[in-house]
Amino acid sequence: MAEELKSIPNPYEAQAEEDGLEFLNRIGEKINAAVSVKSQRLVVVLKGAGQSVGGVQLDLVVVTNGKNILSYEVTLKDEPKHGEVEASYYDRKKNSREVTTAGTGMEGPKFVIPTPFQNKEDAQRATDAKVKELVRAQADASFVIDGAPFAQAEA
């Protein structure tokens, strides 16, 4: 597990009608983490960080047109863009529902995370994770390259 993710407190999380990996993926979505099994080990890393589980920067894979690209495909998503993300939590001291927000840098309506969080920190962490997800989800790209048969995302 990535060091940055180990320090995030999670005092309680209910699991119902989902297997263990689905449960961990749901938690991972809240903290911007990718959860998967690689070589019979559970791997939890920060999405988009370009680091191994041990925190070592992964080697760059150079993809250059005219040099090593055999084929590629880029698809822009038709999904609506969101300009802001909002998450709610219940402030026990104020005895009221509060919200956290974060901008995506895009034009569009507000995306509201439907599940309330236990505290402001959890709500803000989930808001920030959703912003990063929405920005990454604007397009898909896949490349077939010559010379690096084992190059793959999150490897």
N, C-alpha and C. Protein backbone atom coordinates (compact mmCIF):
# COMPACT_ATOMS: atom_id res chain seq x y z
N MET A 1 0.85 -1.18 0.00
CA MET A 1 0.00 0.00 0.00
C MET A 1 0.89 1.24 0.00
N ALA A 2 0.53 2.21 -0.81
CA ALA A 2 1.30 3.45 -0.90
C ALA A 2 1.29 4.17 0.44
N GLU A 3 2.45 4.73 0.83
CA GLU A 3 2.60 5.39 2.12
C GLU A 3 1.59 6.51 2.32
N GLU A 4 1.36 7.31 1.30
CA GLU A 4 0.43 8.44 1.41
C GLU A 4 -0.98 7.97 1.77
N LEU A 5 -1.35 6.79 1.31
CA LEU A 5 -2.69 6.26 1.58
C LEU A 5 -2.79 5.62 2.95
N LYS A 6 -1.67 5.11 3.47
CA LYS A 6 -1.68 4.48 4.79
C LYS A 6 -2.06 5.45 5.90
N SER A 7 -1.75 6.71 5.71
CA SER A 7 -1.97 7.70 6.77
C SER A 7 -3.41 8.23 6.81
N ILE A 8 -4.25 7.83 5.87
CA ILE A 8 -5.64 8.32 5.84
C ILE A 8 -6.48 7.51 6.82
N PRO A 9 -7.04 8.17 7.84
CA PRO A 9 -7.84 7.43 8.82
C PRO A 9 -9.19 7.00 8.24
N ASN A 10 -9.64 5.83 8.65
CA ASN A 10 -10.97 5.34 8.27
C ASN A 10 -11.52 4.56 9.46
N PRO A 11 -12.13 5.26 10.42
CA PRO A 11 -12.57 4.58 11.64
C PRO A 11 -13.71 3.58 11.42
N TYR A 12 -14.51 3.78 10.38
CA TYR A 12 -15.65 2.88 10.18
C TYR A 12 -16.08 2.90 8.72
N GLU A 13 -16.34 1.71 8.18
CA GLU A 13 -16.88 1.59 6.83
C GLU A 13 -17.72 0.33 6.79
N ALA A 14 -18.97 0.43 6.44
CA ALA A 14 -19.87 -0.72 6.40
C ALA A 14 -19.74 -1.44 5.07
N GLN A 15 -19.77 -2.77 5.14
CA GLN A 15 -19.73 -3.61 3.94
C GLN A 15 -21.01 -4.42 3.88
N ALA A 16 -21.73 -4.32 2.77
CA ALA A 16 -22.97 -5.06 2.63
C ALA A 16 -23.15 -5.49 1.18
N GLU A 17 -23.42 -6.77 0.99
CA GLU A 17 -23.72 -7.33 -0.32
C GLU A 17 -22.69 -6.99 -1.40
N GLU A 18 -21.42 -7.01 -1.03
CA GLU A 18 -20.34 -6.81 -1.99
C GLU A 18 -19.16 -7.66 -1.54
N ASP A 19 -18.39 -8.17 -2.51
CA ASP A 19 -17.24 -8.97 -2.11
C ASP A 19 -16.11 -8.06 -1.64
N GLY A 20 -15.04 -8.66 -1.16
CA GLY A 20 -13.95 -7.90 -0.57
C GLY A 20 -13.31 -6.91 -1.52
N LEU A 21 -13.07 -7.30 -2.77
CA LEU A 21 -12.43 -6.39 -3.73
C LEU A 21 -13.36 -5.24 -4.11
N GLU A 22 -14.65 -5.51 -4.26
CA GLU A 22 -15.61 -4.42 -4.53
C GLU A 22 -15.63 -3.43 -3.37
N PHE A 23 -15.59 -3.95 -2.15
CA PHE A 23 -15.57 -3.12 -0.95
C PHE A 23 -14.33 -2.22 -0.94
N LEU A 24 -13.17 -2.80 -1.22
CA LEU A 24 -11.93 -2.02 -1.25
C LEU A 24 -11.92 -1.01 -2.39
N ASN A 25 -12.49 -1.36 -3.53
CA ASN A 25 -12.58 -0.41 -4.64
C ASN A 25 -13.48 0.77 -4.29
N ARG A 26 -14.55 0.51 -3.55
CA ARG A 26 -15.44 1.60 -3.12
C ARG A 26 -14.70 2.56 -2.18
N ILE A 27 -13.93 2.00 -1.27
CA ILE A 27 -13.13 2.86 -0.39
C ILE A 27 -12.08 3.60 -1.21
N GLY A 28 -11.46 2.91 -2.17
CA GLY A 28 -10.44 3.53 -3.02
C GLY A 28 -10.97 4.71 -3.80
N GLU A 29 -12.21 4.65 -4.25
CA GLU A 29 -12.82 5.78 -4.98
C GLU A 29 -12.87 7.03 -4.12
N LYS A 30 -13.07 6.87 -2.83
CA LYS A 30 -13.18 8.01 -1.92
C LYS A 30 -11.84 8.70 -1.67
N ILE A 31 -10.74 7.95 -1.86
CA ILE A 31 -9.42 8.51 -1.54
C ILE A 31 -8.50 8.58 -2.76
N ASN A 32 -9.06 8.45 -3.96
CA ASN A 32 -8.30 8.53 -5.21
C ASN A 32 -7.25 7.43 -5.31
N ALA A 33 -7.64 6.21 -4.95
CA ALA A 33 -6.72 5.07 -4.97
C ALA A 33 -7.19 4.02 -5.97
N ALA A 34 -6.22 3.37 -6.61
CA ALA A 34 -6.50 2.22 -7.47
C ALA A 34 -6.22 0.96 -6.65
N VAL A 35 -7.16 0.04 -6.62
CA VAL A 35 -7.03 -1.20 -5.86
C VAL A 35 -7.13 -2.36 -6.84
N SER A 36 -6.13 -3.24 -6.82
CA SER A 36 -6.18 -4.40 -7.70
C SER A 36 -5.29 -5.50 -7.14
N VAL A 37 -5.39 -6.67 -7.75
CA VAL A 37 -4.56 -7.80 -7.38
C VAL A 37 -3.56 -8.01 -8.51
N LYS A 38 -2.28 -7.99 -8.16
CA LYS A 38 -1.19 -8.21 -9.12
C LYS A 38 -0.26 -9.28 -8.55
N SER A 39 -0.01 -10.33 -9.30
CA SER A 39 0.87 -11.43 -8.87
C SER A 39 0.47 -11.95 -7.49
N GLN A 40 -0.80 -12.17 -7.28
CA GLN A 40 -1.38 -12.69 -6.05
C GLN A 40 -1.15 -11.80 -4.84
N ARG A 41 -0.99 -10.50 -5.06
CA ARG A 41 -0.83 -9.52 -3.98
C ARG A 41 -1.84 -8.40 -4.17
N LEU A 42 -2.37 -7.92 -3.07
CA LEU A 42 -3.27 -6.78 -3.11
C LEU A 42 -2.42 -5.52 -3.23
N VAL A 43 -2.71 -4.71 -4.26
CA VAL A 43 -1.94 -3.50 -4.53
C VAL A 43 -2.88 -2.30 -4.41
N VAL A 44 -2.46 -1.31 -3.61
CA VAL A 44 -3.25 -0.09 -3.43
C VAL A 44 -2.31 1.09 -3.68
N VAL A 45 -2.56 1.83 -4.76
CA VAL A 45 -1.71 2.96 -5.13
C VAL A 45 -2.56 4.19 -5.41
N LEU A 46 -1.93 5.35 -5.32
CA LEU A 46 -2.59 6.61 -5.63
C LEU A 46 -2.75 6.72 -7.14
N LYS A 47 -3.96 7.00 -7.61
CA LYS A 47 -4.21 7.11 -9.05
C LYS A 47 -3.46 8.31 -9.63
N GLY A 48 -2.85 8.10 -10.79
CA GLY A 48 -2.21 9.18 -11.51
C GLY A 48 -0.88 9.64 -10.95
N ALA A 49 -0.34 8.96 -9.93
CA ALA A 49 0.91 9.40 -9.31
C ALA A 49 2.14 8.91 -10.07
N GLY A 50 2.00 7.84 -10.85
CA GLY A 50 3.14 7.31 -11.58
C GLY A 50 4.19 6.68 -10.68
N GLN A 51 3.74 6.13 -9.54
CA GLN A 51 4.66 5.53 -8.58
C GLN A 51 4.29 4.09 -8.30
N SER A 52 5.30 3.31 -7.90
CA SER A 52 5.05 1.94 -7.47
C SER A 52 4.46 1.98 -6.07
N VAL A 53 4.07 0.82 -5.57
CA VAL A 53 3.52 0.75 -4.22
C VAL A 53 4.53 1.23 -3.19
N GLY A 54 5.81 0.98 -3.46
CA GLY A 54 6.87 1.41 -2.55
C GLY A 54 7.21 2.89 -2.66
N GLY A 55 6.54 3.62 -3.55
CA GLY A 55 6.79 5.05 -3.69
C GLY A 55 7.86 5.40 -4.70
N VAL A 56 8.40 4.41 -5.39
CA VAL A 56 9.43 4.65 -6.41
C VAL A 56 8.76 5.09 -7.70
N GLN A 57 9.32 6.13 -8.33
CA GLN A 57 8.78 6.63 -9.59
C GLN A 57 8.90 5.54 -10.66
N LEU A 58 7.81 5.25 -11.36
CA LEU A 58 7.84 4.25 -12.43
C LEU A 58 8.60 4.79 -13.63
N ASP A 59 9.23 3.88 -14.38
CA ASP A 59 9.93 4.29 -15.59
C ASP A 59 8.95 4.84 -16.60
N LEU A 60 9.38 5.86 -17.33
CA LEU A 60 8.56 6.43 -18.39
C LEU A 60 8.58 5.52 -19.60
N VAL A 61 7.46 5.42 -20.26
CA VAL A 61 7.37 4.70 -21.52
C VAL A 61 7.20 5.76 -22.60
N VAL A 62 8.22 5.92 -23.43
CA VAL A 62 8.19 6.94 -24.47
C VAL A 62 7.35 6.43 -25.64
N VAL A 63 6.35 7.21 -26.01
CA VAL A 63 5.47 6.87 -27.13
C VAL A 63 5.58 8.01 -28.13
N THR A 64 6.23 7.74 -29.26
CA THR A 64 6.50 8.79 -30.24
C THR A 64 6.01 8.38 -31.62
N ASN A 65 5.21 9.25 -32.23
CA ASN A 65 4.71 8.98 -33.57
C ASN A 65 5.89 8.94 -34.54
N GLY A 66 5.92 7.93 -35.38
CA GLY A 66 7.01 7.78 -36.34
C GLY A 66 8.19 7.02 -35.78
N LYS A 67 8.18 6.71 -34.48
CA LYS A 67 9.29 5.98 -33.87
C LYS A 67 8.86 4.59 -33.41
N ASN A 68 7.89 4.53 -32.48
CA ASN A 68 7.51 3.22 -31.95
C ASN A 68 6.00 2.96 -31.90
N ILE A 69 5.19 3.86 -32.40
CA ILE A 69 3.74 3.63 -32.40
C ILE A 69 3.35 2.77 -33.60
N LEU A 70 2.73 1.63 -33.31
CA LEU A 70 2.20 0.78 -34.38
C LEU A 70 0.77 1.20 -34.71
N SER A 71 0.00 1.51 -33.66
CA SER A 71 -1.36 2.03 -33.84
C SER A 71 -1.79 2.70 -32.55
N TYR A 72 -2.79 3.55 -32.68
CA TYR A 72 -3.34 4.20 -31.49
C TYR A 72 -4.79 4.60 -31.73
N GLU A 73 -5.49 4.82 -30.62
CA GLU A 73 -6.88 5.26 -30.70
C GLU A 73 -7.14 6.22 -29.55
N VAL A 74 -7.68 7.37 -29.86
CA VAL A 74 -8.05 8.37 -28.86
C VAL A 74 -9.53 8.66 -29.02
N THR A 75 -10.27 8.57 -27.93
CA THR A 75 -11.71 8.79 -27.96
C THR A 75 -12.08 9.86 -26.94
N LEU A 76 -12.68 10.94 -27.42
CA LEU A 76 -13.21 11.96 -26.52
C LEU A 76 -14.57 11.49 -26.03
N LYS A 77 -14.82 11.62 -24.75
CA LYS A 77 -16.07 11.14 -24.17
C LYS A 77 -17.19 12.15 -24.41
N ASP A 78 -18.38 11.62 -24.64
CA ASP A 78 -19.56 12.47 -24.84
C ASP A 78 -20.26 12.80 -23.53
N GLU A 79 -19.74 12.27 -22.43
CA GLU A 79 -20.38 12.50 -21.14
C GLU A 79 -20.34 13.98 -20.79
N PRO A 80 -21.33 14.45 -20.05
CA PRO A 80 -21.35 15.88 -19.70
C PRO A 80 -20.18 16.24 -18.79
N LYS A 81 -19.67 17.43 -18.97
CA LYS A 81 -18.59 17.94 -18.13
C LYS A 81 -19.21 18.59 -16.90
N HIS A 82 -18.51 18.54 -15.81
CA HIS A 82 -18.98 19.15 -14.57
C HIS A 82 -18.00 20.22 -14.13
N GLY A 83 -18.53 21.36 -13.73
CA GLY A 83 -17.69 22.48 -13.31
C GLY A 83 -17.31 22.45 -11.85
N GLU A 84 -18.06 21.70 -11.05
CA GLU A 84 -17.83 21.68 -9.61
C GLU A 84 -18.30 20.36 -9.04
N VAL A 85 -17.67 19.93 -7.94
CA VAL A 85 -18.08 18.71 -7.24
C VAL A 85 -18.44 19.10 -5.81
N GLU A 86 -19.51 18.52 -5.31
CA GLU A 86 -19.97 18.82 -3.95
C GLU A 86 -20.20 17.53 -3.18
N ALA A 87 -19.76 17.51 -1.92
CA ALA A 87 -20.02 16.38 -1.02
C ALA A 87 -20.53 16.95 0.30
N SER A 88 -21.37 16.19 0.98
CA SER A 88 -21.93 16.67 2.25
C SER A 88 -21.44 15.82 3.42
N TYR A 89 -21.51 16.42 4.60
CA TYR A 89 -21.21 15.73 5.84
C TYR A 89 -22.08 16.36 6.93
N TYR A 90 -22.19 15.66 8.04
CA TYR A 90 -23.00 16.19 9.14
C TYR A 90 -22.07 16.72 10.22
N ASP A 91 -22.16 18.00 10.50
CA ASP A 91 -21.36 18.63 11.55
C ASP A 91 -22.13 18.51 12.86
N ARG A 92 -21.64 17.66 13.75
CA ARG A 92 -22.35 17.39 15.01
C ARG A 92 -22.32 18.60 15.95
N LYS A 93 -21.27 19.40 15.90
CA LYS A 93 -21.19 20.58 16.77
C LYS A 93 -22.22 21.64 16.37
N LYS A 94 -22.38 21.84 15.07
CA LYS A 94 -23.35 22.82 14.56
C LYS A 94 -24.75 22.23 14.44
N ASN A 95 -24.81 20.89 14.51
CA ASN A 95 -26.08 20.17 14.34
C ASN A 95 -26.72 20.51 13.00
N SER A 96 -25.88 20.45 11.94
CA SER A 96 -26.40 20.77 10.61
C SER A 96 -25.61 20.03 9.53
N ARG A 97 -26.24 19.94 8.37
CA ARG A 97 -25.60 19.34 7.19
C ARG A 97 -24.75 20.42 6.55
N GLU A 98 -23.48 20.12 6.30
CA GLU A 98 -22.54 21.05 5.68
C GLU A 98 -22.06 20.44 4.36
N VAL A 99 -21.49 21.26 3.50
CA VAL A 99 -20.98 20.77 2.21
C VAL A 99 -19.55 21.25 1.99
N THR A 100 -18.82 20.44 1.22
CA THR A 100 -17.52 20.85 0.71
C THR A 100 -17.61 20.87 -0.80
N THR A 101 -16.89 21.76 -1.43
CA THR A 101 -16.91 21.86 -2.89
C THR A 101 -15.49 21.99 -3.42
N ALA A 102 -15.34 21.64 -4.68
CA ALA A 102 -14.07 21.82 -5.38
C ALA A 102 -14.37 22.00 -6.86
N GLY A 103 -13.65 22.89 -7.51
CA GLY A 103 -13.83 23.14 -8.94
C GLY A 103 -13.00 22.19 -9.78
N THR A 104 -13.51 21.90 -10.99
CA THR A 104 -12.81 21.00 -11.91
C THR A 104 -12.01 21.76 -12.97
N GLY A 105 -12.30 23.04 -13.13
CA GLY A 105 -11.67 23.80 -14.20
C GLY A 105 -12.40 23.66 -15.53
N MET A 106 -13.52 22.94 -15.53
CA MET A 106 -14.32 22.76 -16.74
C MET A 106 -15.63 23.52 -16.58
N GLU A 107 -16.31 23.73 -17.69
CA GLU A 107 -17.63 24.36 -17.67
C GLU A 107 -18.68 23.27 -17.55
N GLY A 108 -19.70 23.51 -16.73
CA GLY A 108 -20.78 22.55 -16.64
C GLY A 108 -21.46 22.61 -15.29
N PRO A 109 -22.45 21.74 -15.10
CA PRO A 109 -23.22 21.72 -13.86
C PRO A 109 -22.41 21.14 -12.70
N LYS A 110 -22.97 21.24 -11.53
CA LYS A 110 -22.36 20.71 -10.32
C LYS A 110 -22.61 19.20 -10.24
N PHE A 111 -21.59 18.43 -9.87
CA PHE A 111 -21.74 17.01 -9.60
C PHE A 111 -21.87 16.85 -8.09
N VAL A 112 -22.97 16.27 -7.63
CA VAL A 112 -23.20 16.09 -6.20
C VAL A 112 -22.99 14.62 -5.84
N ILE A 113 -22.06 14.35 -4.94
CA ILE A 113 -21.85 12.99 -4.45
C ILE A 113 -23.02 12.68 -3.51
N PRO A 114 -23.81 11.65 -3.82
CA PRO A 114 -25.06 11.44 -3.08
C PRO A 114 -24.89 10.96 -1.63
N THR A 115 -23.80 10.29 -1.32
CA THR A 115 -23.61 9.72 0.01
C THR A 115 -23.01 10.73 0.97
N PRO A 116 -23.62 10.97 2.12
CA PRO A 116 -23.01 11.89 3.09
C PRO A 116 -21.81 11.24 3.77
N PHE A 117 -20.86 12.05 4.20
CA PHE A 117 -19.64 11.56 4.83
C PHE A 117 -19.67 11.85 6.32
N GLN A 118 -18.78 11.19 7.06
CA GLN A 118 -18.80 11.29 8.52
C GLN A 118 -18.24 12.60 9.04
N ASN A 119 -17.31 13.20 8.28
CA ASN A 119 -16.71 14.45 8.75
C ASN A 119 -16.23 15.27 7.56
N LYS A 120 -15.79 16.48 7.84
CA LYS A 120 -15.37 17.40 6.78
C LYS A 120 -14.17 16.87 6.01
N GLU A 121 -13.21 16.28 6.70
CA GLU A 121 -12.00 15.77 6.04
C GLU A 121 -12.35 14.67 5.04
N ASP A 122 -13.21 13.73 5.43
CA ASP A 122 -13.63 12.66 4.51
C ASP A 122 -14.37 13.22 3.31
N ALA A 123 -15.25 14.19 3.56
CA ALA A 123 -16.02 14.80 2.46
C ALA A 123 -15.10 15.53 1.50
N GLN A 124 -14.13 16.28 2.03
CA GLN A 124 -13.21 17.02 1.17
C GLN A 124 -12.30 16.08 0.38
N ARG A 125 -11.85 15.00 1.03
CA ARG A 125 -11.02 14.01 0.36
C ARG A 125 -11.78 13.36 -0.80
N ALA A 126 -13.05 13.02 -0.56
CA ALA A 126 -13.89 12.42 -1.61
C ALA A 126 -14.17 13.41 -2.73
N THR A 127 -14.38 14.67 -2.37
CA THR A 127 -14.61 15.72 -3.37
C THR A 127 -13.39 15.86 -4.28
N ASP A 128 -12.21 15.94 -3.67
CA ASP A 128 -10.97 16.08 -4.44
C ASP A 128 -10.73 14.86 -5.33
N ALA A 129 -11.02 13.66 -4.81
CA ALA A 129 -10.84 12.44 -5.61
C ALA A 129 -11.78 12.43 -6.81
N LYS A 130 -13.02 12.87 -6.61
CA LYS A 130 -13.99 12.90 -7.72
C LYS A 130 -13.60 13.93 -8.77
N VAL A 131 -13.05 15.07 -8.34
CA VAL A 131 -12.57 16.07 -9.29
C VAL A 131 -11.49 15.46 -10.18
N LYS A 132 -10.53 14.77 -9.58
CA LYS A 132 -9.46 14.14 -10.37
C LYS A 132 -10.01 13.10 -11.32
N GLU A 133 -10.99 12.32 -10.86
CA GLU A 133 -11.62 11.31 -11.71
C GLU A 133 -12.32 11.94 -12.90
N LEU A 134 -13.08 13.01 -12.67
CA LEU A 134 -13.80 13.67 -13.76
C LEU A 134 -12.85 14.29 -14.78
N VAL A 135 -11.74 14.84 -14.31
CA VAL A 135 -10.76 15.42 -15.24
C VAL A 135 -10.11 14.32 -16.07
N ARG A 136 -9.75 13.19 -15.42
CA ARG A 136 -9.14 12.07 -16.16
C ARG A 136 -10.11 11.44 -17.14
N ALA A 137 -11.41 11.49 -16.86
CA ALA A 137 -12.42 10.79 -17.66
C ALA A 137 -12.85 11.54 -18.91
N GLN A 138 -12.18 12.61 -19.28
CA GLN A 138 -12.59 13.37 -20.47
C GLN A 138 -12.32 12.62 -21.77
N ALA A 139 -11.34 11.71 -21.76
CA ALA A 139 -10.99 10.99 -22.98
C ALA A 139 -10.32 9.67 -22.61
N ASP A 140 -10.30 8.75 -23.56
CA ASP A 140 -9.59 7.48 -23.44
C ASP A 140 -8.55 7.42 -24.54
N ALA A 141 -7.42 6.80 -24.24
CA ALA A 141 -6.39 6.61 -25.26
C ALA A 141 -5.77 5.24 -25.08
N SER A 142 -5.50 4.57 -26.19
CA SER A 142 -4.77 3.31 -26.15
C SER A 142 -3.74 3.31 -27.26
N PHE A 143 -2.58 2.74 -26.97
CA PHE A 143 -1.47 2.72 -27.90
C PHE A 143 -0.93 1.31 -28.03
N VAL A 144 -0.60 0.91 -29.23
CA VAL A 144 0.15 -0.32 -29.48
C VAL A 144 1.52 0.14 -29.93
N ILE A 145 2.55 -0.23 -29.13
CA ILE A 145 3.90 0.24 -29.43
C ILE A 145 4.83 -0.93 -29.68
N ASP A 146 5.90 -0.66 -30.37
CA ASP A 146 6.93 -1.63 -30.69
C ASP A 146 8.02 -1.55 -29.63
N GLY A 147 8.45 -2.69 -29.10
CA GLY A 147 9.62 -2.70 -28.24
C GLY A 147 9.38 -2.74 -26.75
N ALA A 148 8.15 -2.68 -26.27
CA ALA A 148 7.88 -2.74 -24.84
C ALA A 148 6.62 -3.59 -24.60
N PRO A 149 6.73 -4.92 -24.78
CA PRO A 149 5.54 -5.77 -24.70
C PRO A 149 4.88 -5.80 -23.33
N PHE A 150 5.62 -5.46 -22.26
CA PHE A 150 5.04 -5.53 -20.92
C PHE A 150 4.61 -4.17 -20.39
N ALA A 151 4.71 -3.13 -21.20
CA ALA A 151 4.28 -1.80 -20.76
C ALA A 151 2.77 -1.76 -20.67
N GLN A 152 2.27 -1.38 -19.50
CA GLN A 152 0.83 -1.27 -19.30
C GLN A 152 0.55 -0.30 -18.17
N ALA A 153 -0.65 0.22 -18.15
CA ALA A 153 -1.04 1.15 -17.10
C ALA A 153 -1.10 0.44 -15.76
N GLU A 154 -0.74 1.16 -14.70
CA GLU A 154 -0.80 0.68 -13.32
C GLU A 154 0.00 -0.60 -13.10
N ALA A 155 1.06 -0.81 -13.87
CA ALA A 155 1.87 -2.03 -13.70
C ALA A 155 3.07 -1.76 -12.84
